[in-house]
N, C-alpha and C. Protein backbone atom coordinates (compact mmCIF):
# COMPACT_ATOMS: atom_id res chain seq x y z
N MET A 1 102.61 175.65 87.11
CA MET A 1 101.86 174.46 87.40
C MET A 1 102.57 173.34 87.86
N ASN A 2 102.23 172.67 88.99
CA ASN A 2 103.04 171.62 89.62
C ASN A 2 102.43 170.29 88.99
N MET A 3 103.13 169.55 88.30
CA MET A 3 102.68 168.29 87.55
C MET A 3 103.40 167.12 88.21
N SER A 4 102.65 166.15 88.66
CA SER A 4 103.29 164.88 89.19
C SER A 4 103.75 163.96 88.07
N LYS A 5 103.51 164.22 86.86
CA LYS A 5 103.86 163.39 85.68
C LYS A 5 104.74 164.31 84.83
N LYS A 6 105.58 163.57 84.03
CA LYS A 6 106.35 164.38 83.06
C LYS A 6 105.45 165.00 82.03
N GLU A 7 105.82 166.13 81.49
CA GLU A 7 105.09 166.82 80.47
C GLU A 7 104.70 165.86 79.32
N GLY A 8 103.48 165.81 78.92
CA GLY A 8 103.05 165.01 77.77
C GLY A 8 102.68 163.52 78.20
N GLU A 9 103.05 163.13 79.32
CA GLU A 9 102.85 161.70 79.83
C GLU A 9 101.37 161.52 80.06
N SER A 10 100.83 160.47 79.57
CA SER A 10 99.40 160.23 79.75
C SER A 10 98.97 159.79 81.16
N ARG A 11 97.82 160.46 81.56
CA ARG A 11 97.30 160.07 82.97
C ARG A 11 96.27 159.03 82.69
N LYS A 12 96.17 158.16 83.75
CA LYS A 12 95.26 157.10 83.66
C LYS A 12 93.80 157.53 84.14
N LEU A 13 92.79 156.96 83.41
CA LEU A 13 91.52 157.13 83.80
C LEU A 13 90.72 155.78 83.91
N LEU A 14 90.30 155.51 85.05
CA LEU A 14 89.59 154.19 85.28
C LEU A 14 88.05 154.42 85.13
N ILE A 15 87.43 153.63 84.31
CA ILE A 15 86.10 153.72 84.11
C ILE A 15 85.41 152.38 84.44
N VAL A 16 84.61 152.52 85.47
CA VAL A 16 83.90 151.31 85.88
C VAL A 16 82.37 151.35 85.36
N LEU A 17 81.99 150.25 84.79
CA LEU A 17 80.70 150.11 84.21
C LEU A 17 79.88 148.87 84.75
N GLY A 18 78.64 148.94 84.68
CA GLY A 18 77.87 147.80 85.20
C GLY A 18 76.37 148.23 85.27
N GLU A 19 75.52 147.19 85.22
CA GLU A 19 74.13 147.31 85.36
C GLU A 19 73.89 147.89 86.70
N SER A 20 72.61 148.48 86.86
CA SER A 20 72.19 148.96 88.13
C SER A 20 72.25 147.82 89.07
N GLY A 21 72.67 147.98 90.29
CA GLY A 21 72.81 147.00 91.29
C GLY A 21 73.99 146.23 91.41
N THR A 22 74.93 146.40 90.44
CA THR A 22 76.17 145.62 90.45
C THR A 22 77.23 146.02 91.43
N GLY A 23 77.02 147.26 92.01
CA GLY A 23 77.90 147.78 93.11
C GLY A 23 78.93 148.74 92.61
N LYS A 24 78.78 149.21 91.31
CA LYS A 24 79.82 150.16 90.76
C LYS A 24 80.04 151.37 91.60
N SER A 25 78.99 151.99 92.01
CA SER A 25 79.23 153.23 92.79
C SER A 25 79.72 152.96 94.18
N THR A 26 79.32 151.95 94.83
CA THR A 26 79.89 151.47 96.13
C THR A 26 81.35 151.14 95.96
N LEU A 27 81.60 150.35 95.00
CA LEU A 27 83.03 149.96 94.79
C LEU A 27 83.91 151.21 94.53
N VAL A 28 83.52 152.06 93.59
CA VAL A 28 84.30 153.25 93.27
C VAL A 28 84.61 154.00 94.52
N ALA A 29 83.58 154.38 95.36
CA ALA A 29 83.60 155.12 96.51
C ALA A 29 84.59 154.52 97.46
N ALA A 30 84.40 153.28 97.68
CA ALA A 30 85.27 152.51 98.69
C ALA A 30 86.73 152.55 98.25
N VAL A 31 86.97 152.39 96.89
CA VAL A 31 88.42 152.36 96.51
C VAL A 31 88.99 153.68 96.57
N CYS A 32 88.27 154.73 96.29
CA CYS A 32 88.75 156.13 96.34
C CYS A 32 89.01 156.54 97.84
N LYS A 33 88.07 156.06 98.68
CA LYS A 33 88.20 156.43 100.14
C LYS A 33 89.52 155.78 100.74
N ASN A 34 89.85 154.57 100.33
CA ASN A 34 90.89 153.76 100.90
C ASN A 34 92.31 153.91 100.16
N PHE A 35 92.28 154.39 99.06
CA PHE A 35 93.55 154.58 98.26
C PHE A 35 93.76 155.92 97.83
N PRO A 36 94.65 156.71 98.47
CA PRO A 36 94.84 158.12 98.27
C PRO A 36 95.25 158.54 96.87
N HIS A 37 95.80 157.69 96.14
CA HIS A 37 96.17 158.06 94.72
C HIS A 37 94.92 157.99 93.76
N LEU A 38 93.81 157.67 94.32
CA LEU A 38 92.55 157.61 93.50
C LEU A 38 91.65 158.74 93.92
N LYS A 39 91.13 159.40 92.89
CA LYS A 39 90.12 160.46 93.16
C LYS A 39 88.94 160.31 92.27
N GLU A 40 87.68 160.12 92.96
CA GLU A 40 86.62 159.94 92.28
C GLU A 40 86.04 161.09 91.46
N ILE A 41 85.60 160.94 90.28
CA ILE A 41 84.95 161.99 89.49
C ILE A 41 83.47 161.84 89.65
N LEU A 42 82.77 162.79 90.34
CA LEU A 42 81.38 162.75 90.63
C LEU A 42 80.64 163.11 89.30
N SER A 43 79.56 162.36 89.02
CA SER A 43 78.69 162.77 87.91
C SER A 43 77.76 163.97 88.53
N THR A 44 77.33 164.69 87.41
CA THR A 44 76.42 165.78 87.76
C THR A 44 75.06 165.43 87.11
N LEU A 45 74.02 165.54 87.78
CA LEU A 45 72.74 165.12 87.23
C LEU A 45 71.57 165.95 87.78
N THR A 46 70.46 165.72 87.11
CA THR A 46 69.22 166.53 87.43
C THR A 46 68.22 165.66 88.04
N ARG A 47 68.34 164.36 88.14
CA ARG A 47 67.37 163.59 88.69
C ARG A 47 67.14 163.85 90.24
N PRO A 48 65.95 163.53 90.76
CA PRO A 48 65.86 163.79 92.22
C PRO A 48 66.83 162.84 92.95
N ILE A 49 67.32 163.30 94.19
CA ILE A 49 68.06 162.44 95.04
C ILE A 49 67.36 161.34 95.56
N ARG A 50 67.91 160.08 95.59
CA ARG A 50 67.33 158.96 96.13
C ARG A 50 67.67 158.88 97.63
N ASP A 51 66.86 158.15 98.37
CA ASP A 51 67.04 157.90 99.90
C ASP A 51 68.47 157.51 100.03
N GLY A 52 69.19 158.13 100.95
CA GLY A 52 70.58 157.73 101.25
C GLY A 52 71.66 158.39 100.51
N GLU A 53 71.19 159.19 99.40
CA GLU A 53 72.27 159.85 98.68
C GLU A 53 72.55 161.16 99.22
N ARG A 54 73.72 161.67 99.00
CA ARG A 54 74.12 163.03 99.53
C ARG A 54 74.69 163.82 98.41
N ASP A 55 74.27 165.05 98.31
CA ASP A 55 74.64 166.00 97.23
C ASP A 55 76.09 166.25 97.52
N GLY A 56 76.97 166.23 96.48
CA GLY A 56 78.40 166.53 96.64
C GLY A 56 79.24 165.43 97.13
N ILE A 57 78.64 164.28 97.47
CA ILE A 57 79.34 163.10 97.99
C ILE A 57 79.10 162.01 97.14
N ASP A 58 77.86 161.68 96.76
CA ASP A 58 77.50 160.58 95.88
C ASP A 58 77.39 161.02 94.41
N ALA A 59 76.96 162.29 94.26
CA ALA A 59 76.88 162.90 92.88
C ALA A 59 76.62 164.46 93.15
N ILE A 60 76.58 165.30 92.07
CA ILE A 60 76.31 166.63 92.22
C ILE A 60 74.90 166.71 91.62
N PHE A 61 74.01 167.01 92.36
CA PHE A 61 72.56 167.28 91.97
C PHE A 61 72.16 168.74 91.67
N LEU A 62 71.75 169.03 90.49
CA LEU A 62 71.49 170.39 90.02
C LEU A 62 69.94 170.43 89.56
N SER A 63 69.48 171.72 89.58
CA SER A 63 68.15 171.80 88.85
C SER A 63 68.46 171.71 87.38
N LYS A 64 67.43 171.37 86.59
CA LYS A 64 67.48 171.24 85.24
C LYS A 64 68.04 172.61 84.55
N GLU A 65 67.48 173.64 85.09
CA GLU A 65 67.85 175.00 84.60
C GLU A 65 69.37 175.28 84.73
N ARG A 66 69.85 174.99 86.00
CA ARG A 66 71.31 175.21 86.20
C ARG A 66 72.10 174.38 85.35
N TYR A 67 71.72 173.07 85.27
CA TYR A 67 72.58 172.13 84.42
C TYR A 67 72.66 172.69 82.99
N GLU A 68 71.48 172.99 82.45
CA GLU A 68 71.47 173.43 81.09
C GLU A 68 72.19 174.71 80.84
N GLN A 69 72.22 175.51 81.79
CA GLN A 69 73.02 176.73 81.69
C GLN A 69 74.48 176.37 81.64
N MET A 70 74.97 175.57 82.53
CA MET A 70 76.32 175.03 82.53
C MET A 70 76.66 174.39 81.22
N LEU A 71 75.68 173.62 80.70
CA LEU A 71 75.88 172.88 79.47
C LEU A 71 76.16 173.92 78.37
N ASP A 72 75.32 174.91 78.25
CA ASP A 72 75.43 176.05 77.31
C ASP A 72 76.78 176.74 77.45
N GLU A 73 77.33 176.84 78.61
CA GLU A 73 78.60 177.47 78.84
C GLU A 73 79.80 176.63 78.53
N GLY A 74 79.45 175.35 77.99
CA GLY A 74 80.53 174.36 77.62
C GLY A 74 81.40 173.88 78.83
N LEU A 75 80.75 173.61 80.03
CA LEU A 75 81.33 173.21 81.22
C LEU A 75 81.40 171.70 81.27
N PHE A 76 80.62 171.07 80.41
CA PHE A 76 80.44 169.50 80.46
C PHE A 76 81.32 168.79 79.29
N LEU A 77 82.00 167.78 79.67
CA LEU A 77 82.67 166.92 78.71
C LEU A 77 81.69 165.96 78.11
N THR A 78 80.76 165.46 78.94
CA THR A 78 79.71 164.57 78.40
C THR A 78 78.38 164.97 79.05
N ASP A 79 77.29 164.60 78.15
CA ASP A 79 75.98 164.87 78.58
C ASP A 79 75.07 163.85 77.93
N VAL A 80 74.27 163.24 78.79
CA VAL A 80 73.13 162.28 78.24
C VAL A 80 71.96 162.57 78.89
N CYS A 81 70.83 162.47 78.22
CA CYS A 81 69.48 162.66 78.79
C CYS A 81 68.82 161.34 78.85
N HIS A 82 68.43 160.84 80.07
CA HIS A 82 67.67 159.52 80.29
C HIS A 82 66.39 159.89 81.06
N PHE A 83 65.30 159.50 80.52
CA PHE A 83 64.02 159.71 81.22
C PHE A 83 63.65 161.06 81.60
N GLY A 84 64.16 162.09 80.76
CA GLY A 84 64.01 163.50 81.07
C GLY A 84 65.04 164.15 82.06
N ASN A 85 65.93 163.38 82.45
CA ASN A 85 67.01 163.85 83.35
C ASN A 85 68.41 163.76 82.65
N HIS A 86 69.17 164.91 82.92
CA HIS A 86 70.52 165.00 82.46
C HIS A 86 71.51 164.29 83.36
N TYR A 87 72.55 163.67 82.80
CA TYR A 87 73.65 163.06 83.51
C TYR A 87 74.85 163.52 82.79
N GLY A 88 75.84 164.02 83.40
CA GLY A 88 77.07 164.37 82.69
C GLY A 88 78.29 164.50 83.61
N TYR A 89 79.38 164.67 82.99
CA TYR A 89 80.63 164.80 83.69
C TYR A 89 81.21 166.15 83.34
N GLN A 90 81.53 166.98 84.36
CA GLN A 90 82.03 168.29 84.13
C GLN A 90 83.55 168.19 83.70
N LYS A 91 84.01 168.99 82.72
CA LYS A 91 85.41 168.99 82.34
C LYS A 91 86.38 169.18 83.44
N ALA A 92 86.14 170.10 84.29
CA ALA A 92 87.18 170.46 85.43
C ALA A 92 87.33 169.22 86.33
N LEU A 93 86.04 168.54 86.66
CA LEU A 93 86.17 167.43 87.45
C LEU A 93 86.91 166.20 86.95
N VAL A 94 86.70 166.03 85.61
CA VAL A 94 87.36 164.98 84.90
C VAL A 94 88.82 165.21 84.87
N GLU A 95 89.25 166.43 84.75
CA GLU A 95 90.71 166.86 84.79
C GLU A 95 91.31 166.62 86.06
N GLU A 96 90.56 166.78 87.15
CA GLU A 96 91.12 166.67 88.56
C GLU A 96 91.20 165.14 89.07
N GLY A 97 90.27 164.35 88.60
CA GLY A 97 90.01 163.01 89.13
C GLY A 97 90.53 161.95 88.22
N ASN A 98 90.41 160.69 88.75
CA ASN A 98 91.01 159.55 87.86
C ASN A 98 90.12 158.33 87.83
N VAL A 99 88.92 158.25 88.54
CA VAL A 99 88.08 157.16 88.60
C VAL A 99 86.61 157.59 88.50
N LEU A 100 85.80 156.87 87.66
CA LEU A 100 84.38 157.24 87.55
C LEU A 100 83.70 155.94 87.17
N HIS A 101 82.37 156.02 87.36
CA HIS A 101 81.49 154.99 86.85
C HIS A 101 80.39 155.57 86.04
N CYS A 102 80.06 154.92 84.93
CA CYS A 102 79.13 155.51 83.96
C CYS A 102 78.42 154.32 83.13
N ILE A 103 77.68 154.83 82.19
CA ILE A 103 77.06 153.86 81.25
C ILE A 103 77.86 153.75 79.99
N PRO A 104 77.58 152.64 79.16
CA PRO A 104 78.46 152.51 77.97
C PRO A 104 78.54 153.56 77.17
N SER A 105 77.43 154.31 76.76
CA SER A 105 77.57 155.42 75.86
C SER A 105 78.42 156.59 76.33
N THR A 106 78.46 156.87 77.62
CA THR A 106 79.36 157.80 78.20
C THR A 106 80.77 157.33 78.11
N MET A 107 81.09 156.03 78.26
CA MET A 107 82.35 155.48 78.28
C MET A 107 82.89 155.78 76.81
N LEU A 108 82.16 155.45 75.84
CA LEU A 108 82.52 155.65 74.35
C LEU A 108 82.88 157.25 74.10
N GLU A 109 81.93 158.03 74.77
CA GLU A 109 82.06 159.45 74.44
C GLU A 109 83.37 159.87 75.15
N LEU A 110 83.74 159.43 76.34
CA LEU A 110 84.94 159.86 77.02
C LEU A 110 86.20 159.31 76.26
N LYS A 111 86.14 158.22 75.68
CA LYS A 111 87.28 157.63 75.02
C LYS A 111 87.53 158.51 73.72
N GLU A 112 86.39 158.87 73.07
CA GLU A 112 86.58 159.84 71.92
C GLU A 112 87.06 161.12 72.32
N LYS A 113 86.65 161.79 73.39
CA LYS A 113 87.00 163.12 73.84
C LYS A 113 88.26 163.24 74.48
N LEU A 114 88.89 162.08 75.01
CA LEU A 114 90.11 162.15 75.78
C LEU A 114 91.11 161.23 75.20
N PRO A 115 91.57 161.52 73.93
CA PRO A 115 92.52 160.62 73.26
C PRO A 115 93.88 160.65 73.85
N ASP A 116 94.15 161.65 74.67
CA ASP A 116 95.45 161.70 75.41
C ASP A 116 95.53 160.98 76.79
N ARG A 117 94.36 160.50 77.11
CA ARG A 117 94.39 159.84 78.58
C ARG A 117 94.38 158.36 78.25
N THR A 118 95.12 157.68 79.15
CA THR A 118 95.05 156.10 79.14
C THR A 118 93.84 155.75 79.87
N ILE A 119 92.87 155.22 79.12
CA ILE A 119 91.57 154.79 79.83
C ILE A 119 91.63 153.33 79.91
N ILE A 120 91.24 152.86 81.16
CA ILE A 120 91.10 151.50 81.51
C ILE A 120 89.63 151.36 81.84
N THR A 121 89.09 150.25 81.24
CA THR A 121 87.64 150.05 81.37
C THR A 121 87.45 148.68 82.20
N VAL A 122 86.54 148.61 83.12
CA VAL A 122 86.25 147.51 83.93
C VAL A 122 84.76 147.49 83.99
N GLN A 123 84.15 146.19 83.72
CA GLN A 123 82.78 145.95 83.77
C GLN A 123 82.60 145.09 84.96
N LEU A 124 81.58 145.51 85.84
CA LEU A 124 81.12 144.67 86.95
C LEU A 124 79.86 143.85 86.44
N VAL A 125 79.85 142.48 86.75
CA VAL A 125 78.77 141.76 86.55
C VAL A 125 78.32 141.02 87.70
N PHE A 126 77.02 140.60 87.81
CA PHE A 126 76.46 139.81 88.78
C PHE A 126 77.14 138.43 88.91
N SER A 127 77.27 137.87 87.60
CA SER A 127 77.77 136.56 87.47
C SER A 127 78.20 136.32 86.04
N GLU A 128 79.05 135.41 85.76
CA GLU A 128 79.49 135.07 84.43
C GLU A 128 78.41 134.18 83.69
N ASP A 129 77.52 133.66 84.46
CA ASP A 129 76.40 132.84 84.08
C ASP A 129 75.22 133.65 83.92
N PRO A 130 74.68 133.84 82.75
CA PRO A 130 73.57 134.75 82.38
C PRO A 130 72.20 134.36 83.28
N GLU A 131 71.96 133.02 83.53
CA GLU A 131 70.73 132.72 84.38
C GLU A 131 71.05 133.08 85.78
N GLU A 132 72.20 132.86 86.38
CA GLU A 132 72.53 133.17 87.73
C GLU A 132 72.53 134.71 87.86
N ALA A 133 72.96 135.40 86.75
CA ALA A 133 72.98 136.82 86.91
C ALA A 133 71.62 137.44 86.88
N GLN A 134 70.71 136.79 86.13
CA GLN A 134 69.28 137.26 86.22
C GLN A 134 68.60 136.99 87.60
N LYS A 135 68.96 135.90 88.22
CA LYS A 135 68.47 135.67 89.55
C LYS A 135 68.98 136.70 90.59
N ILE A 136 70.24 136.99 90.50
CA ILE A 136 70.80 137.95 91.41
C ILE A 136 70.16 139.33 91.18
N ARG A 137 70.12 139.72 89.84
CA ARG A 137 69.57 140.99 89.59
C ARG A 137 68.11 141.14 90.07
N LEU A 138 67.30 140.07 89.95
CA LEU A 138 65.92 140.13 90.54
C LEU A 138 65.99 140.13 92.09
N TYR A 139 66.87 139.46 92.74
CA TYR A 139 66.92 139.46 94.14
C TYR A 139 67.36 140.81 94.65
N ARG A 140 68.36 141.35 94.01
CA ARG A 140 68.94 142.73 94.63
C ARG A 140 68.02 143.94 94.31
N LEU A 141 67.23 143.76 93.40
CA LEU A 141 66.33 145.00 92.90
C LEU A 141 64.81 144.56 93.26
N SER A 142 64.65 143.54 93.95
CA SER A 142 63.24 143.26 94.32
C SER A 142 62.69 144.37 95.14
N GLY A 143 61.40 144.80 94.86
CA GLY A 143 60.71 145.85 95.57
C GLY A 143 60.94 147.18 94.92
N ASP A 144 61.73 147.29 93.97
CA ASP A 144 61.96 148.49 93.23
C ASP A 144 61.61 148.25 91.71
N GLU A 145 60.34 148.13 91.47
CA GLU A 145 59.84 147.74 90.15
C GLU A 145 60.34 148.70 88.96
N SER A 146 60.29 149.93 89.28
CA SER A 146 60.72 150.97 88.15
C SER A 146 62.19 150.81 87.89
N ARG A 147 63.03 150.51 88.88
CA ARG A 147 64.42 150.30 88.53
C ARG A 147 64.72 148.98 87.93
N LEU A 148 63.95 148.01 88.43
CA LEU A 148 64.12 146.66 87.75
C LEU A 148 63.75 146.67 86.36
N SER A 149 62.61 147.22 85.95
CA SER A 149 62.25 147.30 84.53
C SER A 149 63.35 148.06 83.65
N ARG A 150 63.89 149.17 84.21
CA ARG A 150 65.08 149.86 83.50
C ARG A 150 66.20 148.96 83.41
N VAL A 151 66.57 148.23 84.42
CA VAL A 151 67.74 147.35 84.33
C VAL A 151 67.65 146.18 83.36
N GLU A 152 66.33 145.69 83.30
CA GLU A 152 66.02 144.67 82.30
C GLU A 152 66.31 145.19 80.82
N LYS A 153 65.96 146.45 80.55
CA LYS A 153 66.20 147.12 79.42
C LYS A 153 67.69 147.48 79.05
N GLU A 154 68.37 147.83 80.09
CA GLU A 154 69.80 148.23 79.92
C GLU A 154 70.76 147.03 79.87
N ALA A 155 70.29 145.81 80.33
CA ALA A 155 71.09 144.65 80.27
C ALA A 155 71.69 144.43 78.94
N SER A 156 70.95 144.63 77.82
CA SER A 156 71.37 144.39 76.49
C SER A 156 72.55 145.27 76.17
N LEU A 157 72.55 146.47 76.74
CA LEU A 157 73.77 147.47 76.39
C LEU A 157 75.09 146.90 76.97
N TYR A 158 75.09 146.06 77.90
CA TYR A 158 76.28 145.52 78.61
C TYR A 158 76.72 144.15 77.96
N SER A 159 75.80 143.50 77.15
CA SER A 159 76.20 142.17 76.81
C SER A 159 77.34 141.99 75.78
N ASN A 160 77.45 142.88 74.96
CA ASN A 160 78.59 142.82 74.08
C ASN A 160 79.62 143.92 74.13
N LEU A 161 79.74 144.44 75.35
CA LEU A 161 80.53 145.59 75.49
C LEU A 161 82.02 145.17 75.50
N GLU A 162 82.92 145.98 74.77
CA GLU A 162 84.31 145.71 74.76
C GLU A 162 85.05 146.55 75.89
N VAL A 163 85.45 145.82 76.95
CA VAL A 163 86.07 146.32 78.08
C VAL A 163 87.52 145.79 78.30
N ASP A 164 88.32 146.30 79.01
CA ASP A 164 89.68 145.73 79.29
C ASP A 164 89.52 144.56 80.37
N TYR A 165 88.64 144.77 81.35
CA TYR A 165 88.53 143.70 82.40
C TYR A 165 87.02 143.54 82.74
N THR A 166 86.63 142.29 83.08
CA THR A 166 85.32 142.11 83.58
C THR A 166 85.47 141.35 85.02
N LEU A 167 84.78 141.88 86.01
CA LEU A 167 84.86 141.39 87.27
C LEU A 167 83.51 140.99 87.89
N VAL A 168 83.42 139.83 88.44
CA VAL A 168 82.22 139.36 89.17
C VAL A 168 82.21 140.09 90.56
N ASN A 169 81.01 140.68 90.71
CA ASN A 169 80.87 141.39 92.04
C ASN A 169 79.62 140.82 92.69
N LYS A 170 79.73 139.61 93.16
CA LYS A 170 78.50 139.02 93.71
C LYS A 170 78.47 139.00 95.24
N GLU A 171 79.64 138.91 95.87
CA GLU A 171 79.58 138.82 97.38
C GLU A 171 80.71 139.66 97.86
N ILE A 172 80.77 139.82 99.24
CA ILE A 172 81.74 140.62 99.93
C ILE A 172 83.20 140.29 99.49
N PRO A 173 83.56 138.96 99.57
CA PRO A 173 84.94 138.60 99.11
C PRO A 173 85.22 139.19 97.76
N ASP A 174 84.31 138.99 96.81
CA ASP A 174 84.49 139.51 95.45
C ASP A 174 84.83 141.07 95.54
N PHE A 175 83.96 141.76 96.32
CA PHE A 175 84.07 143.13 96.47
C PHE A 175 85.44 143.63 96.91
N LEU A 176 85.93 142.98 97.94
CA LEU A 176 87.24 143.38 98.50
C LEU A 176 88.32 143.08 97.47
N GLU A 177 88.24 141.84 96.86
CA GLU A 177 89.26 141.49 95.79
C GLU A 177 89.26 142.41 94.66
N ASN A 178 88.07 142.84 94.28
CA ASN A 178 87.85 143.82 93.13
C ASN A 178 88.37 145.23 93.51
N ALA A 179 88.23 145.54 94.81
CA ALA A 179 88.81 146.86 95.17
C ALA A 179 90.27 146.92 95.10
N LEU A 180 90.89 145.84 95.57
CA LEU A 180 92.34 145.81 95.41
C LEU A 180 92.89 145.77 94.15
N PHE A 181 92.06 145.01 93.24
CA PHE A 181 92.50 144.94 91.76
C PHE A 181 92.46 146.33 91.13
N LEU A 182 91.34 146.99 91.48
CA LEU A 182 91.27 148.39 90.83
C LEU A 182 92.39 149.29 91.31
N ALA A 183 92.66 149.23 92.56
CA ALA A 183 93.69 150.12 93.22
C ALA A 183 95.22 149.82 92.52
N LYS A 184 95.38 148.58 92.30
CA LYS A 184 96.66 148.19 91.68
C LYS A 184 96.64 148.50 90.14
N LEU A 185 95.56 148.62 89.47
CA LEU A 185 95.50 149.05 88.07
C LEU A 185 95.90 150.46 88.00
N MET A 186 95.60 151.21 88.96
CA MET A 186 95.79 152.70 88.87
C MET A 186 97.12 153.07 89.61
N GLN A 187 97.90 152.15 90.13
CA GLN A 187 99.25 152.54 90.67
C GLN A 187 100.16 153.15 89.60
N GLU A 188 100.79 154.21 89.96
CA GLU A 188 101.70 154.92 88.99
C GLU A 188 102.89 154.11 88.73
């Protein structure tokens, strides 16, 4: 086996968290596309594909039956069920990659199951001001009422989250600055 790190040396895993609409999946994809030392770990899920999403590029979409078969075979490191759909990370993909985005409960599960990995956690927020964050949330998700109501519920999950870094991802300059910051965090 060809290893780029010394035997026993911990590999970094960057976990990006944030409410729906904060740009976490867009940021992770952009960083991994532009920095060759970063490899995105795609989540595997059973929910329907949304407009603009691509199987195998944005996520791995499986039937519920196939997902549950793989789960029974022990191929997943994490698994969570939201609104009747499974979301998980496959063990082999987590081993191969070093950047992912997820929800808080998955972050905690990964930290527990990967004690030998150096895990860096970054939370994206709309704004550091809660009132401004609410205005941005409403603007970005206007017209998508089901997603907006889910985001309103999940906002509490992120309010007291312990992470290594919190980044405001409100405008394009923030996005570019955040991409460079993440890339630097993961330099060997």
